[in-house]
Amino acid sequence: MTDDVMNPALPAEQPVSSDPVERIAEGSLTTWLDKVEAPTWALIVAVYLSLGLLTYYATALPVWLLVPLAAVAVCWYSHLQHELVHGHPTRNSRFNTLFGLLPFTLYMPYSLYKKTHLLHHATPALTDPDFDTESYFVSQEYWDRASAPVRWLLVANQSMLGRFVLGPFLMYYAFWKEELLRMVEGDFSHAGDWLLHFVLVGALLSWTSFVCGLSVPEYIFYFAIPGASLGLLRSYAEHRPGPSNADRTAIIESSWFIRLLFLNNNLHAIHHTKPNLAWYKINRDYRANKDSWLKRNGGYFYKDYLQLAKSYFFRPKAHPVHPGY
């Protein structure tokens, strides 16, 4: 189930632009690239090479340089995982999964991420905390029961700075709490997912510790948490409450670097309507049909993340209680 069916009146997808991200899919190469998903294969190589080199040479780099580079690499890997969830680069889901199993973000098994993310796409009520597995809103009942410090955290998390600094920890807490409660209640259906995850975490941290010379805290605070923070900046404004899922989903244009880092998921309205469209096709579709897309999503648009930051870096963009309550 997707959010909405794309308007069939929209013109067909067209290859356009001299944009650096789009050049790889232009002209006579387009058919071949589309058939074998060459850009996604190149992405897999680039992401793993980046993480391999950064972890291996981490102790040779100054912290002020390592942390932003590591944040970019881990964030990029997270977006690769997202692409794998949506059926790329092959039609074999189990084969695709092999490229997303390594837990560079540490906190969540890939299989559970896949499950919750597909539920997010299937919901008829994006942002509603009762239905959307990726909602940053709470119900009125939850708010009424929350202590003053918890309310402060929820409000702070609605600002861009709060999402960047506090967001990872709130995300970890919410996910781990839900999984622990599941086990306390006698539901061990995710036990296999966690067992594999712990084995892979052990293998990853063995590499970073014994081969690369990074302590476990160094990996957590130089790689895992900064990578999660950067990813949360992308998701900060991707959805809002609205009359339909189309109106609830943002388009944020940004530079070619940001679009490459986020694999065009900043153009989120296109992804939610066409969730199986390969990452390197999303911007082409948007550029060819820009006016129609902006009309379709109710004009929920930002030119870039700087424009978003000017409005909401310190100020909450919404109250944590979903307006439907």
C-alpha atoms as a PDB file:
ATOM      1  CA  MET A   1       0.000   0.000   0.000  1.00  0.00           C
ATOM      2  CA  THR A   2       1.368   3.424  -0.904  1.00  0.00           C
ATOM      3  CA  ASP A   3       0.254   6.792   0.389  1.00  0.00           C
ATOM      4  CA  ASP A   4      -1.709   7.862  -2.652  1.00  0.00           C
ATOM      5  CA  VAL A   5      -1.885   6.896  -6.307  1.00  0.00           C
ATOM      6  CA  MET A   6       0.128   9.232  -8.477  1.00  0.00           C
ATOM      7  CA  ASN A   7      -1.938  11.429 -10.782  1.00  0.00           C
ATOM      8  CA  PRO A   8      -1.871   9.673 -14.162  1.00  0.00           C
ATOM      9  CA  ALA A   9      -2.157  13.043 -15.871  1.00  0.00           C
ATOM     10  CA  LEU A  10       1.386  13.938 -14.876  1.00  0.00           C
ATOM     11  CA  PRO A  11       3.874  13.800 -17.756  1.00  0.00           C
ATOM     12  CA  ALA A  12       6.120  10.792 -18.047  1.00  0.00           C
ATOM     13  CA  GLU A  13       9.448  10.723 -16.266  1.00  0.00           C
ATOM     14  CA  GLN A  14      12.127  12.484 -18.292  1.00  0.00           C
ATOM     15  CA  PRO A  15      15.916  12.483 -17.935  1.00  0.00           C
ATOM     16  CA  VAL A  16      17.048  16.078 -17.452  1.00  0.00           C
ATOM     17  CA  SER A  17      19.785  18.333 -16.200  1.00  0.00           C
ATOM     18  CA  SER A  18      23.527  18.678 -16.011  1.00  0.00           C
ATOM     19  CA  ASP A  19      23.290  18.244 -12.260  1.00  0.00           C
ATOM     20  CA  PRO A  20      26.209  16.113 -10.922  1.00  0.00           C
ATOM     21  CA  VAL A  21      23.834  13.583  -9.375  1.00  0.00           C
ATOM     22  CA  GLU A  22      21.743  13.303 -12.529  1.00  0.00           C
ATOM     23  CA  ARG A  23      24.559  13.084 -15.079  1.00  0.00           C
ATOM     24  CA  ILE A  24      25.072   9.405 -14.314  1.00  0.00           C
ATOM     25  CA  ALA A  25      21.632   8.582 -15.681  1.00  0.00           C
ATOM     26  CA  GLU A  26      21.398  10.716 -18.816  1.00  0.00           C
ATOM     27  CA  GLY A  27      21.251  10.078 -22.520  1.00  0.00           C
ATOM     28  CA  SER A  28      21.881   6.728 -24.143  1.00  0.00           C
ATOM     29  CA  LEU A  29      23.039   5.207 -20.854  1.00  0.00           C
ATOM     30  CA  THR A  30      19.653   5.635 -19.207  1.00  0.00           C
ATOM     31  CA  THR A  31      18.119   2.333 -20.322  1.00  0.00           C
ATOM     32  CA  TRP A  32      21.149   0.323 -19.277  1.00  0.00           C
ATOM     33  CA  LEU A  33      21.489   2.138 -15.951  1.00  0.00           C
ATOM     34  CA  ASP A  34      17.828   1.609 -15.169  1.00  0.00           C
ATOM     35  CA  LYS A  35      18.015  -2.079 -16.005  1.00  0.00           C
ATOM     36  CA  VAL A  36      21.025  -2.995 -13.857  1.00  0.00           C
ATOM     37  CA  GLU A  37      20.750  -0.199 -11.241  1.00  0.00           C
ATOM     38  CA  ALA A  38      24.386   0.743 -11.788  1.00  0.00           C
ATOM     39  CA  PRO A  39      24.101   3.903  -9.636  1.00  0.00           C
ATOM     40  CA  THR A  40      22.945   1.846  -6.654  1.00  0.00           C
ATOM     41  CA  TRP A  41      25.772  -0.662  -7.091  1.00  0.00           C
ATOM     42  CA  ALA A  42      28.217   2.237  -7.250  1.00  0.00           C
ATOM     43  CA  LEU A  43      26.580   3.646  -4.117  1.00  0.00           C
ATOM     44  CA  ILE A  44      27.069   0.371  -2.231  1.00  0.00           C
ATOM     45  CA  VAL A  45      30.766   0.331  -3.115  1.00  0.00           C
ATOM     46  CA  ALA A  46      31.225   4.001  -2.215  1.00  0.00           C
ATOM     47  CA  VAL A  47      29.431   3.724   1.136  1.00  0.00           C
ATOM     48  CA  TYR A  48      31.316   0.645   2.293  1.00  0.00           C
ATOM     49  CA  LEU A  49      34.618   2.013   1.052  1.00  0.00           C
ATOM     50  CA  SER A  50      33.995   5.277   2.938  1.00  0.00           C
ATOM     51  CA  LEU A  51      33.180   3.500   6.193  1.00  0.00           C
ATOM     52  CA  GLY A  52      36.046   1.031   5.809  1.00  0.00           C
ATOM     53  CA  LEU A  53      38.634   3.736   5.207  1.00  0.00           C
ATOM     54  CA  LEU A  54      37.273   6.059   7.889  1.00  0.00           C
ATOM     55  CA  THR A  55      37.255   3.406  10.599  1.00  0.00           C
ATOM     56  CA  TYR A  56      40.682   2.075   9.576  1.00  0.00           C
ATOM     57  CA  TYR A  57      42.342   5.502   9.556  1.00  0.00           C
ATOM     58  CA  ALA A  58      40.220   7.016  12.351  1.00  0.00           C
ATOM     59  CA  THR A  59      43.035   7.262  14.878  1.00  0.00           C
ATOM     60  CA  ALA A  60      45.202   9.118  12.347  1.00  0.00           C
ATOM     61  CA  LEU A  61      42.629  11.876  11.873  1.00  0.00           C
ATOM     62  CA  PRO A  62      41.987  14.822  14.211  1.00  0.00           C
ATOM     63  CA  VAL A  63      38.657  14.524  16.003  1.00  0.00           C
ATOM     64  CA  TRP A  64      37.381  17.786  14.512  1.00  0.00           C
ATOM     65  CA  LEU A  65      37.732  16.240  11.034  1.00  0.00           C
ATOM     66  CA  LEU A  66      36.850  12.640  11.878  1.00  0.00           C
ATOM     67  CA  VAL A  67      33.471  13.328  13.494  1.00  0.00           C
ATOM     68  CA  PRO A  68      31.836  15.195  10.575  1.00  0.00           C
ATOM     69  CA  LEU A  69      33.243  12.717   8.061  1.00  0.00           C
ATOM     70  CA  ALA A  70      32.044   9.779  10.165  1.00  0.00           C
ATOM     71  CA  ALA A  71      28.613  11.377  10.595  1.00  0.00           C
ATOM     72  CA  VAL A  72      28.283  11.721   6.829  1.00  0.00           C
ATOM     73  CA  ALA A  73      29.411   8.126   6.213  1.00  0.00           C
ATOM     74  CA  VAL A  74      27.073   6.565   8.790  1.00  0.00           C
ATOM     75  CA  CYS A  75      24.172   8.747   7.669  1.00  0.00           C
ATOM     76  CA  TRP A  76      24.864   7.749   4.058  1.00  0.00           C
ATOM     77  CA  TYR A  77      24.845   4.087   5.066  1.00  0.00           C
ATOM     78  CA  SER A  78      21.485   4.545   6.814  1.00  0.00           C
ATOM     79  CA  HIS A  79      20.035   5.919   3.602  1.00  0.00           C
ATOM     80  CA  LEU A  80      21.509   2.997   1.688  1.00  0.00           C
ATOM     81  CA  GLN A  81      19.644   0.708   4.103  1.00  0.00           C
ATOM     82  CA  HIS A  82      16.478   2.644   3.289  1.00  0.00           C
ATOM     83  CA  GLU A  83      17.060   2.034  -0.421  1.00  0.00           C
ATOM     84  CA  LEU A  84      17.561  -1.673   0.212  1.00  0.00           C
ATOM     85  CA  VAL A  85      14.278  -1.839   2.152  1.00  0.00           C
ATOM     86  CA  HIS A  86      12.468  -0.526  -0.914  1.00  0.00           C
ATOM     87  CA  GLY A  87      13.659  -3.267  -3.231  1.00  0.00           C
ATOM     88  CA  HIS A  88      16.985  -2.141  -4.664  1.00  0.00           C
ATOM     89  CA  PRO A  89      19.307  -2.919  -6.338  1.00  0.00           C
ATOM     90  CA  THR A  90      17.789  -6.331  -7.214  1.00  0.00           C
ATOM     91  CA  ARG A  91      14.367  -7.957  -7.036  1.00  0.00           C
ATOM     92  CA  ASN A  92      15.703 -10.474  -4.517  1.00  0.00           C
ATOM     93  CA  SER A  93      14.894  -9.083  -1.076  1.00  0.00           C
ATOM     94  CA  ARG A  94      17.125 -11.545   0.775  1.00  0.00           C
ATOM     95  CA  PHE A  95      20.069 -10.691  -1.433  1.00  0.00           C
ATOM     96  CA  ASN A  96      19.510  -6.947  -0.975  1.00  0.00           C
ATOM     97  CA  THR A  97      19.367  -7.474   2.795  1.00  0.00           C
ATOM     98  CA  LEU A  98      22.976  -8.697   2.824  1.00  0.00           C
ATOM     99  CA  PHE A  99      24.171  -5.168   2.068  1.00  0.00           C
ATOM    100  CA  GLY A 100      22.242  -3.618   4.976  1.00  0.00           C
ATOM    101  CA  LEU A 101      22.875  -5.989   7.860  1.00  0.00           C
ATOM    102  CA  LEU A 102      25.981  -4.382   9.359  1.00  0.00           C
ATOM    103  CA  PRO A 103      24.784  -2.224  12.276  1.00  0.00           C
ATOM    104  CA  PHE A 104      26.891   0.920  11.854  1.00  0.00           C
ATOM    105  CA  THR A 105      24.244   2.862  13.811  1.00  0.00           C
ATOM    106  CA  LEU A 106      24.354   0.110  16.491  1.00  0.00           C
ATOM    107  CA  TYR A 107      20.916   0.593  18.025  1.00  0.00           C
ATOM    108  CA  MET A 108      18.465  -1.294  15.766  1.00  0.00           C
ATOM    109  CA  PRO A 109      18.467  -4.602  13.856  1.00  0.00           C
ATOM    110  CA  TYR A 110      18.063  -4.040  10.123  1.00  0.00           C
ATOM    111  CA  SER A 111      15.171  -6.503   9.975  1.00  0.00           C
ATOM    112  CA  LEU A 112      13.187  -4.504  12.546  1.00  0.00           C
ATOM    113  CA  TYR A 113      13.976  -1.249  10.766  1.00  0.00           C
ATOM    114  CA  LYS A 114      12.609  -2.792   7.564  1.00  0.00           C
ATOM    115  CA  LYS A 115       9.441  -3.936   9.319  1.00  0.00           C
ATOM    116  CA  THR A 116       8.686  -0.616  11.026  1.00  0.00           C
ATOM    117  CA  HIS A 117       9.551   1.458   7.976  1.00  0.00           C
ATOM    118  CA  LEU A 118       7.239  -0.485   5.691  1.00  0.00           C
ATOM    119  CA  LEU A 119       4.490  -0.046   8.294  1.00  0.00           C
ATOM    120  CA  HIS A 120       5.184   3.694   8.154  1.00  0.00           C
ATOM    121  CA  HIS A 121       4.576   3.623   4.408  1.00  0.00           C
ATOM    122  CA  ALA A 122       1.419   1.568   4.792  1.00  0.00           C
ATOM    123  CA  THR A 123      -0.294   3.851   7.296  1.00  0.00           C
ATOM    124  CA  PRO A 124      -3.292   5.876   6.109  1.00  0.00           C
ATOM    125  CA  ALA A 125      -2.522   8.480   8.795  1.00  0.00           C
ATOM    126  CA  LEU A 126       1.025   9.791   8.617  1.00  0.00           C
ATOM    127  CA  THR A 127       2.186  11.582  11.806  1.00  0.00           C
ATOM    128  CA  ASP A 128      -0.623  10.094  13.944  1.00  0.00           C
ATOM    129  CA  PRO A 129       1.173   8.430  16.888  1.00  0.00           C
ATOM    130  CA  ASP A 130      -1.443   5.667  17.064  1.00  0.00           C
ATOM    131  CA  PHE A 131      -0.766   4.571  13.485  1.00  0.00           C
ATOM    132  CA  ASP A 132       2.545   5.945  12.232  1.00  0.00           C
ATOM    133  CA  THR A 133       5.626   4.037  13.447  1.00  0.00           C
ATOM    134  CA  GLU A 134       7.824   7.067  12.650  1.00  0.00           C
ATOM    135  CA  SER A 135       5.705   9.803  14.227  1.00  0.00           C
ATOM    136  CA  TYR A 136       7.330  12.486  16.393  1.00  0.00           C
ATOM    137  CA  PHE A 137       3.990  13.455  17.913  1.00  0.00           C
ATOM    138  CA  VAL A 138       2.251  12.102  21.008  1.00  0.00           C
ATOM    139  CA  SER A 139      -1.376  11.702  22.025  1.00  0.00           C
ATOM    140  CA  GLN A 140      -3.104  14.049  24.434  1.00  0.00           C
ATOM    141  CA  GLU A 141      -3.294  11.214  26.949  1.00  0.00           C
ATOM    142  CA  TYR A 142       0.477  10.681  26.803  1.00  0.00           C
ATOM    143  CA  TRP A 143       1.081  14.417  27.239  1.00  0.00           C
ATOM    144  CA  ASP A 144      -1.259  14.634  30.216  1.00  0.00           C
ATOM    145  CA  ARG A 145       0.583  11.782  31.957  1.00  0.00           C
ATOM    146  CA  ALA A 146       4.069  13.110  31.148  1.00  0.00           C
ATOM    147  CA  SER A 147       6.217  14.800  33.792  1.00  0.00           C
ATOM    148  CA  ALA A 148       7.477  18.349  33.333  1.00  0.00           C
ATOM    149  CA  PRO A 149      10.994  17.198  32.233  1.00  0.00           C
ATOM    150  CA  VAL A 150       9.513  14.789  29.678  1.00  0.00           C
ATOM    151  CA  ARG A 151       7.277  17.543  28.308  1.00  0.00           C
ATOM    152  CA  TRP A 152      10.319  19.813  28.008  1.00  0.00           C
ATOM    153  CA  LEU A 153      12.185  17.123  26.067  1.00  0.00           C
ATOM    154  CA  LEU A 154       9.235  16.584  23.742  1.00  0.00           C
ATOM    155  CA  VAL A 155       8.972  20.314  23.013  1.00  0.00           C
ATOM    156  CA  ALA A 156      12.725  20.688  22.555  1.00  0.00           C
ATOM    157  CA  ASN A 157      12.701  17.759  20.115  1.00  0.00           C
ATOM    158  CA  GLN A 158      10.361  19.769  17.888  1.00  0.00           C
ATOM    159  CA  SER A 159      13.115  22.315  17.243  1.00  0.00           C
ATOM    160  CA  MET A 160      15.868  21.611  14.732  1.00  0.00           C
ATOM    161  CA  LEU A 161      18.634  21.965  17.317  1.00  0.00           C
ATOM    162  CA  GLY A 162      16.744  19.760  19.751  1.00  0.00           C
ATOM    163  CA  ARG A 163      16.195  17.079  17.120  1.00  0.00           C
ATOM    164  CA  PHE A 164      19.921  17.117  16.282  1.00  0.00           C
ATOM    165  CA  VAL A 165      21.177  16.995  19.898  1.00  0.00           C
ATOM    166  CA  LEU A 166      18.431  15.144  21.767  1.00  0.00           C
ATOM    167  CA  GLY A 167      16.799  13.275  18.920  1.00  0.00           C
ATOM    168  CA  PRO A 168      19.108  10.230  18.839  1.00  0.00           C
ATOM    169  CA  PHE A 169      18.745   9.583  22.569  1.00  0.00           C
ATOM    170  CA  LEU A 170      14.958   9.943  22.488  1.00  0.00           C
ATOM    171  CA  MET A 171      14.853   7.624  19.483  1.00  0.00           C
ATOM    172  CA  TYR A 172      17.018   5.013  21.215  1.00  0.00           C
ATOM    173  CA  TYR A 173      14.940   5.209  24.386  1.00  0.00           C
ATOM    174  CA  ALA A 174      11.587   4.873  22.614  1.00  0.00           C
ATOM    175  CA  PHE A 175      12.713   1.916  20.499  1.00  0.00           C
ATOM    176  CA  TRP A 176      14.509   0.009  23.275  1.00  0.00           C
ATOM    177  CA  LYS A 177      11.629   0.597  25.707  1.00  0.00           C
ATOM    178  CA  GLU A 178       9.142  -0.866  23.244  1.00  0.00           C
ATOM    179  CA  GLU A 179      11.354  -3.898  22.606  1.00  0.00           C
ATOM    180  CA  LEU A 180      11.949  -4.517  26.333  1.00  0.00           C
ATOM    181  CA  LEU A 181       8.238  -4.251  27.098  1.00  0.00           C
ATOM    182  CA  ARG A 182       7.578  -6.748  24.327  1.00  0.00           C
ATOM    183  CA  MET A 183       9.871  -9.279  26.016  1.00  0.00           C
ATOM    184  CA  VAL A 184       8.548  -8.550  29.512  1.00  0.00           C
ATOM    185  CA  GLU A 185       5.069  -9.332  28.214  1.00  0.00           C
ATOM    186  CA  GLY A 186       6.323 -12.673  26.921  1.00  0.00           C
ATOM    187  CA  ASP A 187       6.600 -11.810  23.226  1.00  0.00           C
ATOM    188  CA  PHE A 188       9.945 -13.117  21.977  1.00  0.00           C
ATOM    189  CA  SER A 189       9.119 -12.906  18.280  1.00  0.00           C
ATOM    190  CA  HIS A 190      12.032 -10.497  17.729  1.00  0.00           C
ATOM    191  CA  ALA A 191      14.564 -12.617  19.606  1.00  0.00           C
ATOM    192  CA  GLY A 192      16.137 -13.943  16.426  1.00  0.00           C
ATOM    193  CA  ASP A 193      16.506 -10.424  15.038  1.00  0.00           C
ATOM    194  CA  TRP A 194      18.283  -9.281  18.192  1.00  0.00           C
ATOM    195  CA  LEU A 195      20.527 -12.349  18.355  1.00  0.00           C
ATOM    196  CA  LEU A 196      21.814 -11.735  14.832  1.00  0.00           C
ATOM    197  CA  HIS A 197      22.124  -8.030  15.608  1.00  0.00           C
ATOM    198  CA  PHE A 198      24.298  -8.642  18.686  1.00  0.00           C
ATOM    199  CA  VAL A 199      26.550 -10.982  16.712  1.00  0.00           C
ATOM    200  CA  LEU A 200      26.988  -8.339  14.006  1.00  0.00           C
ATOM    201  CA  VAL A 201      27.545  -5.561  16.556  1.00  0.00           C
ATOM    202  CA  GLY A 202      30.244  -7.736  18.125  1.00  0.00           C
ATOM    203  CA  ALA A 203      31.889  -8.284  14.748  1.00  0.00           C
ATOM    204  CA  LEU A 204      31.759  -4.573  13.884  1.00  0.00           C
ATOM    205  CA  LEU A 205      33.148  -3.434  17.238  1.00  0.00           C
ATOM    206  CA  SER A 206      35.858  -6.097  17.038  1.00  0.00           C
ATOM    207  CA  TRP A 207      36.944  -4.552  13.745  1.00  0.00           C
ATOM    208  CA  THR A 208      36.863  -0.992  15.067  1.00  0.00           C
ATOM    209  CA  SER A 209      38.557  -1.910  18.369  1.00  0.00           C
ATOM    210  CA  PHE A 210      41.166  -4.569  17.555  1.00  0.00           C
ATOM    211  CA  VAL A 211      42.021  -3.596  13.980  1.00  0.00           C
ATOM    212  CA  CYS A 212      41.320   0.137  13.868  1.00  0.00           C
ATOM    213  CA  GLY A 213      42.262   1.054  17.448  1.00  0.00           C
ATOM    214  CA  LEU A 214      38.993   2.795  18.286  1.00  0.00           C
ATOM    215  CA  SER A 215      37.520   2.191  21.718  1.00  0.00           C
ATOM    216  CA  VAL A 216      33.822   1.337  21.902  1.00  0.00           C
ATOM    217  CA  PRO A 217      32.923   4.778  23.365  1.00  0.00           C
ATOM    218  CA  GLU A 218      34.934   6.453  20.604  1.00  0.00           C
ATOM    219  CA  TYR A 219      33.015   4.587  17.930  1.00  0.00           C
ATOM    220  CA  ILE A 220      29.697   5.416  19.609  1.00  0.00           C
ATOM    221  CA  PHE A 221      30.408   9.133  20.003  1.00  0.00           C
ATOM    222  CA  TYR A 222      32.431   9.689  16.805  1.00  0.00           C
ATOM    223  CA  PHE A 223      30.409   7.530  14.403  1.00  0.00           C
ATOM    224  CA  ALA A 224      27.077   6.136  15.598  1.00  0.00           C
ATOM    225  CA  ILE A 225      25.500   9.107  17.392  1.00  0.00           C
ATOM    226  CA  PRO A 226      26.661  11.849  14.952  1.00  0.00           C
ATOM    227  CA  GLY A 227      25.429   9.706  12.050  1.00  0.00           C
ATOM    228  CA  ALA A 228      22.021   9.344  13.679  1.00  0.00           C
ATOM    229  CA  SER A 229      21.879  13.091  14.404  1.00  0.00           C
ATOM    230  CA  LEU A 230      22.577  13.976  10.799  1.00  0.00           C
ATOM    231  CA  GLY A 231      19.920  11.552   9.588  1.00  0.00           C
ATOM    232  CA  LEU A 232      17.380  13.095  11.947  1.00  0.00           C
ATOM    233  CA  LEU A 233      17.938  16.496  10.340  1.00  0.00           C
ATOM    234  CA  ARG A 234      16.591  15.009   7.123  1.00  0.00           C
ATOM    235  CA  SER A 235      13.531  13.568   8.795  1.00  0.00           C
ATOM    236  CA  TYR A 236      12.951  16.681  10.926  1.00  0.00           C
ATOM    237  CA  ALA A 237      10.341  18.228   8.632  1.00  0.00           C
ATOM    238  CA  GLU A 238       9.536  15.423   6.212  1.00  0.00           C
ATOM    239  CA  HIS A 239       5.978  15.029   7.586  1.00  0.00           C
ATOM    240  CA  ARG A 240       3.375  17.311   9.156  1.00  0.00           C
ATOM    241  CA  PRO A 241      -0.278  16.837  10.155  1.00  0.00           C
ATOM    242  CA  GLY A 242      -2.665  17.561   7.305  1.00  0.00           C
ATOM    243  CA  PRO A 243      -5.901  16.572   5.567  1.00  0.00           C
ATOM    244  CA  SER A 244      -4.284  13.780   3.523  1.00  0.00           C
ATOM    245  CA  ASN A 245      -0.985  11.918   3.319  1.00  0.00           C
ATOM    246  CA  ALA A 246      -0.094  13.929   0.222  1.00  0.00           C
ATOM    247  CA  ASP A 247      -0.414  17.201   2.164  1.00  0.00           C
ATOM    248  CA  ARG A 248       1.568  15.742   5.053  1.00  0.00           C
ATOM    249  CA  THR A 249       4.758  15.031   3.098  1.00  0.00           C
ATOM    250  CA  ALA A 250       7.455  17.614   2.375  1.00  0.00           C
ATOM    251  CA  ILE A 251       9.640  18.601  -0.541  1.00  0.00           C
ATOM    252  CA  ILE A 252      12.991  20.166   0.409  1.00  0.00           C
ATOM    253  CA  GLU A 253      15.127  20.856  -2.647  1.00  0.00           C
ATOM    254  CA  SER A 254      18.674  21.477  -1.330  1.00  0.00           C
ATOM    255  CA  SER A 255      22.049  21.110  -3.044  1.00  0.00           C
ATOM    256  CA  TRP A 256      23.341  18.124  -5.019  1.00  0.00           C
ATOM    257  CA  PHE A 257      25.548  17.103  -2.067  1.00  0.00           C
ATOM    258  CA  ILE A 258      22.627  16.977   0.359  1.00  0.00           C
ATOM    259  CA  ARG A 259      20.489  15.102  -2.153  1.00  0.00           C
ATOM    260  CA  LEU A 260      23.273  12.586  -2.690  1.00  0.00           C
ATOM    261  CA  LEU A 261      23.757  12.169   1.068  1.00  0.00           C
ATOM    262  CA  PHE A 262      20.031  11.672   1.644  1.00  0.00           C
ATOM    263  CA  LEU A 263      19.568   9.773  -1.641  1.00  0.00           C
ATOM    264  CA  ASN A 264      16.906  12.295  -2.697  1.00  0.00           C
ATOM    265  CA  ASN A 265      14.685  11.489   0.271  1.00  0.00           C
ATOM    266  CA  ASN A 266      14.580  15.204   0.991  1.00  0.00           C
ATOM    267  CA  LEU A 267      12.134  15.159  -1.956  1.00  0.00           C
ATOM    268  CA  HIS A 268       9.993  13.083   0.340  1.00  0.00           C
ATOM    269  CA  ALA A 269       6.620  13.578  -1.320  1.00  0.00           C
ATOM    270  CA  ILE A 270       7.891  11.853  -4.443  1.00  0.00           C
ATOM    271  CA  HIS A 271       9.322   8.957  -2.452  1.00  0.00           C
ATOM    272  CA  HIS A 272       6.115   8.401  -0.486  1.00  0.00           C
ATOM    273  CA  THR A 273       3.985   8.365  -3.602  1.00  0.00           C
ATOM    274  CA  LYS A 274       6.429   6.169  -5.531  1.00  0.00           C
ATOM    275  CA  PRO A 275       8.216   4.256  -2.740  1.00  0.00           C
ATOM    276  CA  ASN A 276       9.845   1.790  -5.120  1.00  0.00           C
ATOM    277  CA  LEU A 277      11.301   4.452  -7.423  1.00  0.00           C
ATOM    278  CA  ALA A 278      15.104   4.190  -7.356  1.00  0.00           C
ATOM    279  CA  TRP A 279      16.878   7.020  -5.561  1.00  0.00           C
ATOM    280  CA  TYR A 280      18.606   8.340  -8.691  1.00  0.00           C
ATOM    281  CA  LYS A 281      15.267   8.695 -10.522  1.00  0.00           C
ATOM    282  CA  ILE A 282      13.496  10.738  -7.848  1.00  0.00           C
ATOM    283  CA  ASN A 283      15.035  14.103  -8.705  1.00  0.00           C
ATOM    284  CA  ARG A 284      14.453  13.576 -12.419  1.00  0.00           C
ATOM    285  CA  ASP A 285      10.776  12.953 -11.738  1.00  0.00           C
ATOM    286  CA  TYR A 286      10.560  16.010  -9.507  1.00  0.00           C
ATOM    287  CA  ARG A 287      12.293  18.334 -11.974  1.00  0.00           C
ATOM    288  CA  ALA A 288      10.120  17.143 -14.857  1.00  0.00           C
ATOM    289  CA  ASN A 289       6.880  17.578 -12.853  1.00  0.00           C
ATOM    290  CA  LYS A 290       7.756  20.193 -10.229  1.00  0.00           C
ATOM    291  CA  ASP A 291       4.599  22.303 -10.425  1.00  0.00           C
ATOM    292  CA  SER A 292       2.352  19.252 -10.246  1.00  0.00           C
ATOM    293  CA  TRP A 293       4.234  17.820  -7.281  1.00  0.00           C
ATOM    294  CA  LEU A 294       4.053  21.101  -5.343  1.00  0.00           C
ATOM    295  CA  LYS A 295       0.343  21.400  -6.081  1.00  0.00           C
ATOM    296  CA  ARG A 296      -0.187  17.826  -5.017  1.00  0.00           C
ATOM    297  CA  ASN A 297       1.534  18.162  -1.624  1.00  0.00           C
ATOM    298  CA  GLY A 298      -0.208  21.425  -0.759  1.00  0.00           C
ATOM    299  CA  GLY A 299       2.918  23.522  -1.215  1.00  0.00           C
ATOM    300  CA  TYR A 300       4.733  21.926   1.728  1.00  0.00           C
ATOM    301  CA  PHE A 301       8.085  23.108   0.414  1.00  0.00           C
ATOM    302  CA  TYR A 302      11.462  24.451   1.525  1.00  0.00           C
ATOM    303  CA  LYS A 303      14.237  25.588  -0.766  1.00  0.00           C
ATOM    304  CA  ASP A 304      16.855  24.026   1.489  1.00  0.00           C
ATOM    305  CA  TYR A 305      17.608  23.089   5.079  1.00  0.00           C
ATOM    306  CA  LEU A 306      19.038  26.543   5.757  1.00  0.00           C
ATOM    307  CA  GLN A 307      15.611  28.054   5.101  1.00  0.00           C
ATOM    308  CA  LEU A 308      14.152  25.503   7.511  1.00  0.00           C
ATOM    309  CA  ALA A 309      16.799  26.328  10.129  1.00  0.00           C
ATOM    310  CA  LYS A 310      16.082  30.061   9.917  1.00  0.00           C
ATOM    311  CA  SER A 311      12.541  29.388  11.066  1.00  0.00           C
ATOM    312  CA  TYR A 312      12.952  26.476  13.456  1.00  0.00           C
ATOM    313  CA  PHE A 313      16.550  26.078  14.601  1.00  0.00           C
ATOM    314  CA  PHE A 314      15.661  27.183  18.138  1.00  0.00           C
ATOM    315  CA  ARG A 315      11.868  27.348  17.868  1.00  0.00           C
ATOM    316  CA  PRO A 316       9.567  24.293  17.850  1.00  0.00           C
ATOM    317  CA  LYS A 317       7.836  23.868  14.502  1.00  0.00           C
ATOM    318  CA  ALA A 318       4.804  22.266  16.174  1.00  0.00           C
ATOM    319  CA  HIS A 319       3.418  21.281  19.547  1.00  0.00           C
ATOM    320  CA  PRO A 320       4.253  17.643  20.424  1.00  0.00           C
ATOM    321  CA  VAL A 321       0.559  16.753  20.847  1.00  0.00           C
ATOM    322  CA  HIS A 322      -0.877  15.684  17.524  1.00  0.00           C
ATOM    323  CA  PRO A 323      -3.675  18.102  16.501  1.00  0.00           C
ATOM    324  CA  GLY A 324      -5.996  15.155  15.905  1.00  0.00           C
ATOM    325  CA  TYR A 325      -6.399  14.663  19.669  1.00  0.00           C
END
